[in-house]
Amino acid sequence: MSPAARRDASAWVDAAYDAFASAGLEAVKVEPVARALGATKGSFYWHFTDRQALVDAVLARWETETEEIISEVEAAPGGPTEQLATLFAAVTRRRSPGWASSSSTPRPSSPGSARP
């Protein structure tokens, strides 16, 4: 299997996170995410022990990014109006097309990852 076909764990999390953002946790399934990546199910099992490990990685990223947004809002200068504007700006950035895969937010390691 070529490296491009295998992908790395972060590519799987990116694709699964995009699915989660657009259609919820039900959309985080191995076969559709594999199709989106142009990868095989074997590639998935190279990096994750099972679907739950991928879901855990997606939720860990969501939690991290949500905490970062909350911190950004709390640190915003000014009063409630400015904080609300900061919140809207952060949520808008988050909902922009491709935001999950292009975010500069560091990705947490994949809980339950079978291989690094």
PDB file of N, CA and C in Angstrom:
ATOM      1  N   MET A   1       0.857  -1.179   0.000  1.00  0.00           N
ATOM      2  CA  MET A   1       0.000   0.000   0.000  1.00  0.00           C
ATOM      3  C   MET A   1       0.894   1.229   0.000  1.00  0.00           C
ATOM      4  N   SER A   2       0.631   2.156  -0.876  1.00  0.00           N
ATOM      5  CA  SER A   2       1.441   3.376  -0.953  1.00  0.00           C
ATOM      6  C   SER A   2       1.154   4.271   0.242  1.00  0.00           C
ATOM      7  N   PRO A   3       2.123   5.118   0.615  1.00  0.00           N
ATOM      8  CA  PRO A   3       1.885   6.033   1.742  1.00  0.00           C
ATOM      9  C   PRO A   3       0.660   6.908   1.529  1.00  0.00           C
ATOM     10  N   ALA A   4       0.427   7.352   0.294  1.00  0.00           N
ATOM     11  CA  ALA A   4      -0.738   8.198   0.031  1.00  0.00           C
ATOM     12  C   ALA A   4      -2.021   7.426   0.254  1.00  0.00           C
ATOM     13  N   ALA A   5      -2.035   6.145  -0.099  1.00  0.00           N
ATOM     14  CA  ALA A   5      -3.246   5.338   0.084  1.00  0.00           C
ATOM     15  C   ALA A   5      -3.481   5.028   1.556  1.00  0.00           C
ATOM     16  N   ARG A   6      -2.388   4.924   2.343  1.00  0.00           N
ATOM     17  CA  ARG A   6      -2.539   4.583   3.748  1.00  0.00           C
ATOM     18  C   ARG A   6      -2.988   5.787   4.560  1.00  0.00           C
ATOM     19  N   ARG A   7      -2.536   6.986   4.199  1.00  0.00           N
ATOM     20  CA  ARG A   7      -2.800   8.222   4.937  1.00  0.00           C
ATOM     21  C   ARG A   7      -2.234   8.112   6.348  1.00  0.00           C
ATOM     22  N   ASP A   8      -2.260   9.209   7.057  1.00  0.00           N
ATOM     23  CA  ASP A   8      -1.843   9.141   8.449  1.00  0.00           C
ATOM     24  C   ASP A   8      -3.059   9.357   9.343  1.00  0.00           C
ATOM     25  N   ALA A   9      -2.868   9.144  10.625  1.00  0.00           N
ATOM     26  CA  ALA A   9      -3.991   9.234  11.557  1.00  0.00           C
ATOM     27  C   ALA A   9      -4.631  10.619  11.530  1.00  0.00           C
ATOM     28  N   SER A  10      -3.810  11.663  11.390  1.00  0.00           N
ATOM     29  CA  SER A  10      -4.383  13.016  11.397  1.00  0.00           C
ATOM     30  C   SER A  10      -5.275  13.246  10.175  1.00  0.00           C
ATOM     31  N   ALA A  11      -4.946  12.645   9.031  1.00  0.00           N
ATOM     32  CA  ALA A  11      -5.811  12.773   7.847  1.00  0.00           C
ATOM     33  C   ALA A  11      -7.157  12.099   8.099  1.00  0.00           C
ATOM     34  N   TRP A  12      -7.128  10.955   8.764  1.00  0.00           N
ATOM     35  CA  TRP A  12      -8.380  10.275   9.113  1.00  0.00           C
ATOM     36  C   TRP A  12      -9.213  11.132  10.070  1.00  0.00           C
ATOM     37  N   VAL A  13      -8.553  11.721  11.059  1.00  0.00           N
ATOM     38  CA  VAL A  13      -9.280  12.567  12.015  1.00  0.00           C
ATOM     39  C   VAL A  13      -9.829  13.806  11.304  1.00  0.00           C
ATOM     40  N   ASP A  14      -9.054  14.408  10.405  1.00  0.00           N
ATOM     41  CA  ASP A  14      -9.532  15.566   9.644  1.00  0.00           C
ATOM     42  C   ASP A  14     -10.801  15.213   8.873  1.00  0.00           C
ATOM     43  N   ALA A  15     -10.759  14.108   8.143  1.00  0.00           N
ATOM     44  CA  ALA A  15     -11.912  13.706   7.322  1.00  0.00           C
ATOM     45  C   ALA A  15     -13.109  13.349   8.198  1.00  0.00           C
ATOM     46  N   ALA A  16     -12.859  12.656   9.294  1.00  0.00           N
ATOM     47  CA  ALA A  16     -13.950  12.290  10.205  1.00  0.00           C
ATOM     48  C   ALA A  16     -14.528  13.532  10.874  1.00  0.00           C
ATOM     49  N   TYR A  17     -13.669  14.504  11.187  1.00  0.00           N
ATOM     50  CA  TYR A  17     -14.125  15.743  11.816  1.00  0.00           C
ATOM     51  C   TYR A  17     -14.996  16.547  10.856  1.00  0.00           C
ATOM     52  N   ASP A  18     -14.616  16.552   9.575  1.00  0.00           N
ATOM     53  CA  ASP A  18     -15.455  17.211   8.566  1.00  0.00           C
ATOM     54  C   ASP A  18     -16.827  16.543   8.507  1.00  0.00           C
ATOM     55  N   ALA A  19     -16.845  15.205   8.543  1.00  0.00           N
ATOM     56  CA  ALA A  19     -18.119  14.470   8.529  1.00  0.00           C
ATOM     57  C   ALA A  19     -18.933  14.808   9.773  1.00  0.00           C
ATOM     58  N   PHE A  20     -18.281  14.833  10.925  1.00  0.00           N
ATOM     59  CA  PHE A  20     -18.943  15.179  12.185  1.00  0.00           C
ATOM     60  C   PHE A  20     -19.523  16.584  12.129  1.00  0.00           C
ATOM     61  N   ALA A  21     -18.746  17.534  11.597  1.00  0.00           N
ATOM     62  CA  ALA A  21     -19.193  18.929  11.531  1.00  0.00           C
ATOM     63  C   ALA A  21     -20.385  19.095  10.606  1.00  0.00           C
ATOM     64  N   SER A  22     -20.438  18.302   9.551  1.00  0.00           N
ATOM     65  CA  SER A  22     -21.531  18.475   8.593  1.00  0.00           C
ATOM     66  C   SER A  22     -22.763  17.629   8.906  1.00  0.00           C
ATOM     67  N   ALA A  23     -22.577  16.473   9.562  1.00  0.00           N
ATOM     68  CA  ALA A  23     -23.733  15.582   9.741  1.00  0.00           C
ATOM     69  C   ALA A  23     -23.797  14.888  11.097  1.00  0.00           C
ATOM     70  N   GLY A  24     -22.956  15.261  12.034  1.00  0.00           N
ATOM     71  CA  GLY A  24     -23.017  14.676  13.364  1.00  0.00           C
ATOM     72  C   GLY A  24     -22.227  13.380  13.486  1.00  0.00           C
ATOM     73  N   LEU A  25     -22.213  12.820  14.696  1.00  0.00           N
ATOM     74  CA  LEU A  25     -21.423  11.622  14.961  1.00  0.00           C
ATOM     75  C   LEU A  25     -21.860  10.412  14.150  1.00  0.00           C
ATOM     76  N   GLU A  26     -23.116  10.341  13.775  1.00  0.00           N
ATOM     77  CA  GLU A  26     -23.585   9.222  12.948  1.00  0.00           C
ATOM     78  C   GLU A  26     -22.834   9.158  11.629  1.00  0.00           C
ATOM     79  N   ALA A  27     -22.333  10.285  11.147  1.00  0.00           N
ATOM     80  CA  ALA A  27     -21.610  10.328   9.875  1.00  0.00           C
ATOM     81  C   ALA A  27     -20.166   9.848  10.006  1.00  0.00           C
ATOM     82  N   VAL A  28     -19.699   9.669  11.221  1.00  0.00           N
ATOM     83  CA  VAL A  28     -18.317   9.221  11.438  1.00  0.00           C
ATOM     84  C   VAL A  28     -18.311   7.697  11.376  1.00  0.00           C
ATOM     85  N   LYS A  29     -18.221   7.200  10.143  1.00  0.00           N
ATOM     86  CA  LYS A  29     -18.189   5.758   9.883  1.00  0.00           C
ATOM     87  C   LYS A  29     -16.990   5.473   8.993  1.00  0.00           C
ATOM     88  N   VAL A  30     -16.406   4.314   9.182  1.00  0.00           N
ATOM     89  CA  VAL A  30     -15.147   3.993   8.516  1.00  0.00           C
ATOM     90  C   VAL A  30     -15.255   4.048   6.993  1.00  0.00           C
ATOM     91  N   GLU A  31     -16.215   3.363   6.408  1.00  0.00           N
ATOM     92  CA  GLU A  31     -16.279   3.294   4.941  1.00  0.00           C
ATOM     93  C   GLU A  31     -16.492   4.654   4.275  1.00  0.00           C
ATOM     94  N   PRO A  32     -17.460   5.475   4.720  1.00  0.00           N
ATOM     95  CA  PRO A  32     -17.616   6.788   4.083  1.00  0.00           C
ATOM     96  C   PRO A  32     -16.393   7.699   4.268  1.00  0.00           C
ATOM     97  N   VAL A  33     -15.769   7.631   5.437  1.00  0.00           N
ATOM     98  CA  VAL A  33     -14.580   8.453   5.664  1.00  0.00           C
ATOM     99  C   VAL A  33     -13.440   7.954   4.780  1.00  0.00           C
ATOM    100  N   ALA A  34     -13.326   6.645   4.636  1.00  0.00           N
ATOM    101  CA  ALA A  34     -12.300   6.080   3.747  1.00  0.00           C
ATOM    102  C   ALA A  34     -12.510   6.552   2.312  1.00  0.00           C
ATOM    103  N   ARG A  35     -13.763   6.541   1.860  1.00  0.00           N
ATOM    104  CA  ARG A  35     -14.062   7.025   0.499  1.00  0.00           C
ATOM    105  C   ARG A  35     -13.678   8.483   0.346  1.00  0.00           C
ATOM    106  N   ALA A  36     -13.986   9.293   1.345  1.00  0.00           N
ATOM    107  CA  ALA A  36     -13.657  10.720   1.293  1.00  0.00           C
ATOM    108  C   ALA A  36     -12.140  10.933   1.196  1.00  0.00           C
ATOM    109  N   LEU A  37     -11.384  10.045   1.811  1.00  0.00           N
ATOM    110  CA  LEU A  37      -9.925  10.147   1.786  1.00  0.00           C
ATOM    111  C   LEU A  37      -9.309   9.475   0.562  1.00  0.00           C
ATOM    112  N   GLY A  38     -10.086   8.630  -0.103  1.00  0.00           N
ATOM    113  CA  GLY A  38      -9.505   7.829  -1.178  1.00  0.00           C
ATOM    114  C   GLY A  38      -8.588   6.761  -0.602  1.00  0.00           C
ATOM    115  N   ALA A  39      -8.947   6.255   0.567  1.00  0.00           N
ATOM    116  CA  ALA A  39      -8.134   5.267   1.279  1.00  0.00           C
ATOM    117  C   ALA A  39      -8.943   3.986   1.470  1.00  0.00           C
ATOM    118  N   THR A  40      -8.296   2.988   2.012  1.00  0.00           N
ATOM    119  CA  THR A  40      -8.957   1.710   2.254  1.00  0.00           C
ATOM    120  C   THR A  40      -9.287   1.557   3.740  1.00  0.00           C
ATOM    121  N   LYS A  41     -10.164   0.606   4.031  1.00  0.00           N
ATOM    122  CA  LYS A  41     -10.452   0.302   5.431  1.00  0.00           C
ATOM    123  C   LYS A  41      -9.206  -0.229   6.132  1.00  0.00           C
ATOM    124  N   GLY A  42      -8.336  -0.915   5.385  1.00  0.00           N
ATOM    125  CA  GLY A  42      -7.086  -1.402   5.968  1.00  0.00           C
ATOM    126  C   GLY A  42      -6.238  -0.256   6.487  1.00  0.00           C
ATOM    127  N   SER A  43      -6.247   0.857   5.774  1.00  0.00           N
ATOM    128  CA  SER A  43      -5.535   2.048   6.221  1.00  0.00           C
ATOM    129  C   SER A  43      -6.082   2.514   7.565  1.00  0.00           C
ATOM    130  N   PHE A  44      -7.393   2.493   7.685  1.00  0.00           N
ATOM    131  CA  PHE A  44      -8.024   2.889   8.942  1.00  0.00           C
ATOM    132  C   PHE A  44      -7.485   2.046  10.093  1.00  0.00           C
ATOM    133  N   TYR A  45      -7.489   0.720   9.910  1.00  0.00           N
ATOM    134  CA  TYR A  45      -7.077  -0.172  10.993  1.00  0.00           C
ATOM    135  C   TYR A  45      -5.573  -0.141  11.240  1.00  0.00           C
ATOM    136  N   TRP A  46      -4.820   0.459  10.368  1.00  0.00           N
ATOM    137  CA  TRP A  46      -3.402   0.682  10.615  1.00  0.00           C
ATOM    138  C   TRP A  46      -3.224   1.717  11.735  1.00  0.00           C
ATOM    139  N   HIS A  47      -4.169   2.666  11.798  1.00  0.00           N
ATOM    140  CA  HIS A  47      -4.057   3.780  12.744  1.00  0.00           C
ATOM    141  C   HIS A  47      -4.987   3.689  13.949  1.00  0.00           C
ATOM    142  N   PHE A  48      -6.114   3.028  13.798  1.00  0.00           N
ATOM    143  CA  PHE A  48      -7.129   2.992  14.867  1.00  0.00           C
ATOM    144  C   PHE A  48      -7.563   1.551  15.117  1.00  0.00           C
ATOM    145  N   THR A  49      -7.850   1.252  16.374  1.00  0.00           N
ATOM    146  CA  THR A  49      -8.280  -0.108  16.706  1.00  0.00           C
ATOM    147  C   THR A  49      -9.712  -0.380  16.265  1.00  0.00           C
ATOM    148  N   ASP A  50     -10.553   0.667  16.294  1.00  0.00           N
ATOM    149  CA  ASP A  50     -11.951   0.513  15.895  1.00  0.00           C
ATOM    150  C   ASP A  50     -12.575   1.893  15.691  1.00  0.00           C
ATOM    151  N   ARG A  51     -13.852   1.914  15.283  1.00  0.00           N
ATOM    152  CA  ARG A  51     -14.551   3.173  15.040  1.00  0.00           C
ATOM    153  C   ARG A  51     -14.566   4.045  16.291  1.00  0.00           C
ATOM    154  N   GLN A  52     -14.749   3.436  17.452  1.00  0.00           N
ATOM    155  CA  GLN A  52     -14.823   4.213  18.688  1.00  0.00           C
ATOM    156  C   GLN A  52     -13.540   5.006  18.919  1.00  0.00           C
ATOM    157  N   ALA A  53     -12.395   4.445  18.554  1.00  0.00           N
ATOM    158  CA  ALA A  53     -11.127   5.171  18.706  1.00  0.00           C
ATOM    159  C   ALA A  53     -11.123   6.423  17.830  1.00  0.00           C
ATOM    160  N   LEU A  54     -11.674   6.313  16.616  1.00  0.00           N
ATOM    161  CA  LEU A  54     -11.766   7.483  15.736  1.00  0.00           C
ATOM    162  C   LEU A  54     -12.751   8.504  16.303  1.00  0.00           C
ATOM    163  N   VAL A  55     -13.893   8.033  16.779  1.00  0.00           N
ATOM    164  CA  VAL A  55     -14.877   8.934  17.401  1.00  0.00           C
ATOM    165  C   VAL A  55     -14.246   9.643  18.598  1.00  0.00           C
ATOM    166  N   ASP A  56     -13.492   8.913  19.410  1.00  0.00           N
ATOM    167  CA  ASP A  56     -12.823   9.525  20.565  1.00  0.00           C
ATOM    168  C   ASP A  56     -11.858  10.628  20.129  1.00  0.00           C
ATOM    169  N   ALA A  57     -11.118  10.387  19.040  1.00  0.00           N
ATOM    170  CA  ALA A  57     -10.181  11.392  18.534  1.00  0.00           C
ATOM    171  C   ALA A  57     -10.923  12.630  18.025  1.00  0.00           C
ATOM    172  N   VAL A  58     -12.047  12.403  17.347  1.00  0.00           N
ATOM    173  CA  VAL A  58     -12.859  13.523  16.842  1.00  0.00           C
ATOM    174  C   VAL A  58     -13.409  14.334  18.017  1.00  0.00           C
ATOM    175  N   LEU A  59     -13.938  13.658  19.017  1.00  0.00           N
ATOM    176  CA  LEU A  59     -14.492  14.370  20.174  1.00  0.00           C
ATOM    177  C   LEU A  59     -13.405  15.082  20.971  1.00  0.00           C
ATOM    178  N   ALA A  60     -12.213  14.500  21.046  1.00  0.00           N
ATOM    179  CA  ALA A  60     -11.106  15.169  21.735  1.00  0.00           C
ATOM    180  C   ALA A  60     -10.745  16.463  21.011  1.00  0.00           C
ATOM    181  N   ARG A  61     -10.717  16.424  19.675  1.00  0.00           N
ATOM    182  CA  ARG A  61     -10.430  17.640  18.917  1.00  0.00           C
ATOM    183  C   ARG A  61     -11.534  18.667  19.125  1.00  0.00           C
ATOM    184  N   TRP A  62     -12.792  18.238  19.064  1.00  0.00           N
ATOM    185  CA  TRP A  62     -13.916  19.154  19.260  1.00  0.00           C
ATOM    186  C   TRP A  62     -13.814  19.818  20.627  1.00  0.00           C
ATOM    187  N   GLU A  63     -13.508  19.031  21.652  1.00  0.00           N
ATOM    188  CA  GLU A  63     -13.391  19.580  23.000  1.00  0.00           C
ATOM    189  C   GLU A  63     -12.258  20.608  23.074  1.00  0.00           C
ATOM    190  N   THR A  64     -11.118  20.286  22.498  1.00  0.00           N
ATOM    191  CA  THR A  64      -9.974  21.205  22.499  1.00  0.00           C
ATOM    192  C   THR A  64     -10.316  22.509  21.792  1.00  0.00           C
ATOM    193  N   GLU A  65     -10.912  22.395  20.601  1.00  0.00           N
ATOM    194  CA  GLU A  65     -11.244  23.602  19.840  1.00  0.00           C
ATOM    195  C   GLU A  65     -12.326  24.431  20.534  1.00  0.00           C
ATOM    196  N   THR A  66     -13.281  23.767  21.161  1.00  0.00           N
ATOM    197  CA  THR A  66     -14.326  24.482  21.888  1.00  0.00           C
ATOM    198  C   THR A  66     -13.733  25.217  23.087  1.00  0.00           C
ATOM    199  N   GLU A  67     -12.828  24.570  23.810  1.00  0.00           N
ATOM    200  CA  GLU A  67     -12.172  25.224  24.941  1.00  0.00           C
ATOM    201  C   GLU A  67     -11.353  26.429  24.484  1.00  0.00           C
ATOM    202  N   GLU A  68     -10.712  26.311  23.306  1.00  0.00           N
ATOM    203  CA  GLU A  68      -9.950  27.442  22.769  1.00  0.00           C
ATOM    204  C   GLU A  68     -10.870  28.617  22.444  1.00  0.00           C
ATOM    205  N   ILE A  69     -12.040  28.332  21.895  1.00  0.00           N
ATOM    206  CA  ILE A  69     -13.001  29.395  21.587  1.00  0.00           C
ATOM    207  C   ILE A  69     -13.465  30.065  22.876  1.00  0.00           C
ATOM    208  N   ILE A  70     -13.768  29.273  23.885  1.00  0.00           N
ATOM    209  CA  ILE A  70     -14.212  29.833  25.170  1.00  0.00           C
ATOM    210  C   ILE A  70     -13.117  30.718  25.758  1.00  0.00           C
ATOM    211  N   SER A  71     -11.875  30.259  25.702  1.00  0.00           N
ATOM    212  CA  SER A  71     -10.756  31.061  26.218  1.00  0.00           C
ATOM    213  C   SER A  71     -10.611  32.364  25.436  1.00  0.00           C
ATOM    214  N   GLU A  72     -10.771  32.280  24.120  1.00  0.00           N
ATOM    215  CA  GLU A  72     -10.669  33.472  23.273  1.00  0.00           C
ATOM    216  C   GLU A  72     -11.761  34.486  23.639  1.00  0.00           C
ATOM    217  N   VAL A  73     -12.962  33.993  23.861  1.00  0.00           N
ATOM    218  CA  VAL A  73     -14.078  34.876  24.221  1.00  0.00           C
ATOM    219  C   VAL A  73     -13.837  35.497  25.592  1.00  0.00           C
ATOM    220  N   GLU A  74     -13.411  34.691  26.552  1.00  0.00           N
ATOM    221  CA  GLU A  74     -13.166  35.204  27.901  1.00  0.00           C
ATOM    222  C   GLU A  74     -12.044  36.239  27.931  1.00  0.00           C
ATOM    223  N   ALA A  75     -11.071  36.099  27.027  1.00  0.00           N
ATOM    224  CA  ALA A  75      -9.937  37.030  26.990  1.00  0.00           C
ATOM    225  C   ALA A  75     -10.204  38.269  26.143  1.00  0.00           C
ATOM    226  N   ALA A  76     -11.328  38.298  25.457  1.00  0.00           N
ATOM    227  CA  ALA A  76     -11.636  39.434  24.579  1.00  0.00           C
ATOM    228  C   ALA A  76     -11.769  40.710  25.403  1.00  0.00           C
ATOM    229  N   PRO A  77     -11.138  41.783  24.917  1.00  0.00           N
ATOM    230  CA  PRO A  77     -11.266  43.056  25.634  1.00  0.00           C
ATOM    231  C   PRO A  77     -12.680  43.605  25.486  1.00  0.00           C
ATOM    232  N   GLY A  78     -13.039  44.444  26.402  1.00  0.00           N
ATOM    233  CA  GLY A  78     -14.356  45.068  26.328  1.00  0.00           C
ATOM    234  C   GLY A  78     -15.397  44.294  27.109  1.00  0.00           C
ATOM    235  N   GLY A  79     -16.624  44.659  26.852  1.00  0.00           N
ATOM    236  CA  GLY A  79     -17.729  44.069  27.581  1.00  0.00           C
ATOM    237  C   GLY A  79     -18.411  42.950  26.811  1.00  0.00           C
ATOM    238  N   PRO A  80     -19.626  42.661  27.204  1.00  0.00           N
ATOM    239  CA  PRO A  80     -20.376  41.570  26.590  1.00  0.00           C
ATOM    240  C   PRO A  80     -20.560  41.719  25.078  1.00  0.00           C
ATOM    241  N   THR A  81     -20.724  42.927  24.584  1.00  0.00           N
ATOM    242  CA  THR A  81     -20.915  43.123  23.144  1.00  0.00           C
ATOM    243  C   THR A  81     -19.674  42.688  22.378  1.00  0.00           C
ATOM    244  N   GLU A  82     -18.509  43.063  22.873  1.00  0.00           N
ATOM    245  CA  GLU A  82     -17.256  42.683  22.219  1.00  0.00           C
ATOM    246  C   GLU A  82     -17.010  41.179  22.333  1.00  0.00           C
ATOM    247  N   GLN A  83     -17.352  40.620  23.486  1.00  0.00           N
ATOM    248  CA  GLN A  83     -17.183  39.175  23.661  1.00  0.00           C
ATOM    249  C   GLN A  83     -18.106  38.408  22.724  1.00  0.00           C
ATOM    250  N   LEU A  84     -19.321  38.902  22.558  1.00  0.00           N
ATOM    251  CA  LEU A  84     -20.250  38.254  21.629  1.00  0.00           C
ATOM    252  C   LEU A  84     -19.726  38.349  20.198  1.00  0.00           C
ATOM    253  N   ALA A  85     -19.161  39.476  19.823  1.00  0.00           N
ATOM    254  CA  ALA A  85     -18.575  39.633  18.491  1.00  0.00           C
ATOM    255  C   ALA A  85     -17.413  38.656  18.304  1.00  0.00           C
ATOM    256  N   THR A  86     -16.604  38.463  19.343  1.00  0.00           N
ATOM    257  CA  THR A  86     -15.498  37.507  19.292  1.00  0.00           C
ATOM    258  C   THR A  86     -16.029  36.088  19.130  1.00  0.00           C
ATOM    259  N   LEU A  87     -17.097  35.772  19.858  1.00  0.00           N
ATOM    260  CA  LEU A  87     -17.705  34.441  19.739  1.00  0.00           C
ATOM    261  C   LEU A  87     -18.216  34.202  18.325  1.00  0.00           C
ATOM    262  N   PHE A  88     -18.935  35.158  17.768  1.00  0.00           N
ATOM    263  CA  PHE A  88     -19.464  35.012  16.408  1.00  0.00           C
ATOM    264  C   PHE A  88     -18.331  34.843  15.398  1.00  0.00           C
ATOM    265  N   ALA A  89     -17.260  35.616  15.561  1.00  0.00           N
ATOM    266  CA  ALA A  89     -16.116  35.506  14.645  1.00  0.00           C
ATOM    267  C   ALA A  89     -15.482  34.115  14.742  1.00  0.00           C
ATOM    268  N   ALA A  90     -15.341  33.604  15.957  1.00  0.00           N
ATOM    269  CA  ALA A  90     -14.738  32.274  16.148  1.00  0.00           C
ATOM    270  C   ALA A  90     -15.624  31.185  15.560  1.00  0.00           C
ATOM    271  N   VAL A  91     -16.918  31.272  15.774  1.00  0.00           N
ATOM    272  CA  VAL A  91     -17.838  30.266  15.239  1.00  0.00           C
ATOM    273  C   VAL A  91     -17.885  30.348  13.718  1.00  0.00           C
ATOM    274  N   THR A  92     -17.840  31.549  13.175  1.00  0.00           N
ATOM    275  CA  THR A  92     -17.840  31.716  11.716  1.00  0.00           C
ATOM    276  C   THR A  92     -16.596  31.087  11.110  1.00  0.00           C
ATOM    277  N   ARG A  93     -15.438  31.314  11.729  1.00  0.00           N
ATOM    278  CA  ARG A  93     -14.194  30.682  11.250  1.00  0.00           C
ATOM    279  C   ARG A  93     -14.337  29.168  11.279  1.00  0.00           C
ATOM    280  N   ARG A  94     -14.929  28.667  12.327  1.00  0.00           N
ATOM    281  CA  ARG A  94     -15.071  27.224  12.526  1.00  0.00           C
ATOM    282  C   ARG A  94     -16.001  26.602  11.490  1.00  0.00           C
ATOM    283  N   ARG A  95     -16.985  27.336  11.035  1.00  0.00           N
ATOM    284  CA  ARG A  95     -17.953  26.799  10.089  1.00  0.00           C
ATOM    285  C   ARG A  95     -17.601  27.069   8.629  1.00  0.00           C
ATOM    286  N   SER A  96     -16.471  27.723   8.390  1.00  0.00           N
ATOM    287  CA  SER A  96     -16.048  27.986   7.017  1.00  0.00           C
ATOM    288  C   SER A  96     -15.697  26.668   6.341  1.00  0.00           C
ATOM    289  N   PRO A  97     -15.949  26.568   5.022  1.00  0.00           N
ATOM    290  CA  PRO A  97     -15.614  25.323   4.314  1.00  0.00           C
ATOM    291  C   PRO A  97     -14.151  24.959   4.508  1.00  0.00           C
ATOM    292  N   GLY A  98     -13.916  23.695   4.830  1.00  0.00           N
ATOM    293  CA  GLY A  98     -12.560  23.214   5.021  1.00  0.00           C
ATOM    294  C   GLY A  98     -11.928  23.603   6.333  1.00  0.00           C
ATOM    295  N   TRP A  99     -12.690  24.158   7.264  1.00  0.00           N
ATOM    296  CA  TRP A  99     -12.096  24.656   8.506  1.00  0.00           C
ATOM    297  C   TRP A  99     -11.439  23.549   9.308  1.00  0.00           C
ATOM    298  N   ALA A 100     -12.012  22.356   9.307  1.00  0.00           N
ATOM    299  CA  ALA A 100     -11.436  21.291  10.130  1.00  0.00           C
ATOM    300  C   ALA A 100     -10.066  20.878   9.621  1.00  0.00           C
ATOM    301  N   SER A 101      -9.930  20.751   8.315  1.00  0.00           N
ATOM    302  CA  SER A 101      -8.663  20.281   7.784  1.00  0.00           C
ATOM    303  C   SER A 101      -7.650  21.398   7.590  1.00  0.00           C
ATOM    304  N   SER A 102      -8.096  22.648   7.630  1.00  0.00           N
ATOM    305  CA  SER A 102      -7.143  23.739   7.431  1.00  0.00           C
ATOM    306  C   SER A 102      -6.871  24.513   8.716  1.00  0.00           C
ATOM    307  N   SER A 103      -7.481  24.113   9.794  1.00  0.00           N
ATOM    308  CA  SER A 103      -7.289  24.806  11.064  1.00  0.00           C
ATOM    309  C   SER A 103      -5.841  24.708  11.513  1.00  0.00           C
ATOM    310  N   SER A 104      -5.352  25.756  12.140  1.00  0.00           N
ATOM    311  CA  SER A 104      -3.986  25.724  12.643  1.00  0.00           C
ATOM    312  C   SER A 104      -3.950  25.138  14.052  1.00  0.00           C
ATOM    313  N   THR A 105      -5.089  24.721  14.560  1.00  0.00           N
ATOM    314  CA  THR A 105      -5.151  24.133  15.886  1.00  0.00           C
ATOM    315  C   THR A 105      -4.409  22.807  15.894  1.00  0.00           C
ATOM    316  N   PRO A 106      -3.493  22.598  16.846  1.00  0.00           N
ATOM    317  CA  PRO A 106      -2.802  21.311  16.906  1.00  0.00           C
ATOM    318  C   PRO A 106      -3.802  20.188  17.133  1.00  0.00           C
ATOM    319  N   ARG A 107      -3.549  19.078  16.515  1.00  0.00           N
ATOM    320  CA  ARG A 107      -4.431  17.929  16.636  1.00  0.00           C
ATOM    321  C   ARG A 107      -3.998  17.076  17.816  1.00  0.00           C
ATOM    322  N   PRO A 108      -4.947  16.673  18.660  1.00  0.00           N
ATOM    323  CA  PRO A 108      -4.573  15.781  19.750  1.00  0.00           C
ATOM    324  C   PRO A 108      -4.201  14.414  19.184  1.00  0.00           C
ATOM    325  N   SER A 109      -3.408  13.676  19.925  1.00  0.00           N
ATOM    326  CA  SER A 109      -3.079  12.336  19.471  1.00  0.00           C
ATOM    327  C   SER A 109      -4.352  11.505  19.460  1.00  0.00           C
ATOM    328  N   SER A 110      -4.362  10.462  18.687  1.00  0.00           N
ATOM    329  CA  SER A 110      -5.535   9.629  18.527  1.00  0.00           C
ATOM    330  C   SER A 110      -5.662   8.657  19.675  1.00  0.00           C
ATOM    331  N   PRO A 111      -6.661   8.850  20.557  1.00  0.00           N
ATOM    332  CA  PRO A 111      -6.850   7.897  21.638  1.00  0.00           C
ATOM    333  C   PRO A 111      -7.137   6.530  21.047  1.00  0.00           C
ATOM    334  N   GLY A 112      -6.548   5.516  21.601  1.00  0.00           N
ATOM    335  CA  GLY A 112      -6.806   4.163  21.136  1.00  0.00           C
ATOM    336  C   GLY A 112      -6.107   3.842  19.831  1.00  0.00           C
ATOM    337  N   SER A 113      -5.188   4.682  19.429  1.00  0.00           N
ATOM    338  CA  SER A 113      -4.500   4.467  18.156  1.00  0.00           C
ATOM    339  C   SER A 113      -3.701   3.182  18.206  1.00  0.00           C
ATOM    340  N   ALA A 114      -3.843   2.372  17.182  1.00  0.00           N
ATOM    341  CA  ALA A 114      -3.138   1.116  17.113  1.00  0.00           C
ATOM    342  C   ALA A 114      -1.675   1.335  16.770  1.00  0.00           C
ATOM    343  N   ARG A 115      -1.371   2.345  15.951  1.00  0.00           N
ATOM    344  CA  ARG A 115      -0.004   2.647  15.534  1.00  0.00           C
ATOM    345  C   ARG A 115       0.169   4.157  15.528  1.00  0.00           C
ATOM    346  N   PRO A 116       1.395   4.650  15.729  1.00  0.00           N
ATOM    347  CA  PRO A 116       1.630   6.106  15.704  1.00  0.00           C
ATOM    348  C   PRO A 116       1.421   6.701  14.340  1.00  0.00           C
TER     349      PRO A 116
END
